[in-house]
Amino acid sequence: MPKEKQQAPQIILNSQYLKDLSFENPNSPLSLTKVNKQPNIQFNIDINAGKLNDNNFEITLAISAKASDKEDDSYTIFLTEIKYSGLFTINEENEEKLREILLVHCPNLLFPYARRVISDATRDGGFPPLMMEPINFYKLYQDKKNQDPQDNPETIN
């Protein structure tokens, strides 16, 4: 009995775009004097996947980074938030494989561009560019998969 040849899923990035960008420097110009000190930086990331029609999806990376004084965490140096999206066409019938593509492979394609926007925003705000470390989206996906599905912030409509 011959085995069926499995087709690799086709992933097409049709377009990518900046959906929302915010940069706040609430304590300027005093916050600019704290540039010489190493700030405490907290990152938050969320991935949203929405189905547009049959094989078309919008993936949005929502990333926030808050820099605060290490000695006084209530003192915000800067806060930046970004929503960076991509429109993808994906041909995959298997729901589990599709979910992995949407929440791992697509964010991997978008992340370098979102990272550059964050880096540019912090630099343009008068600070050294914020260089985010690469993100292991597969590990995030596996961690979320092992949690209760109702606690899962990703959405697929």
Foldseek 3Di string as FASTA:
>chain_A
DDDDDDDDKDKDFPDKDWPDKDKDQPDPPVLLVCQVPDWDKDKDWAWAWEDPDDFKIKIWIWMKMWTAHPVDRVHTRMIMITIMITIMGIDDDDPVVVVCCRQAVVCLVGVVVVQVVQQVSQVVVNHHGDHDDDDRSVVVVVVCVPDDVVVRRYDYD
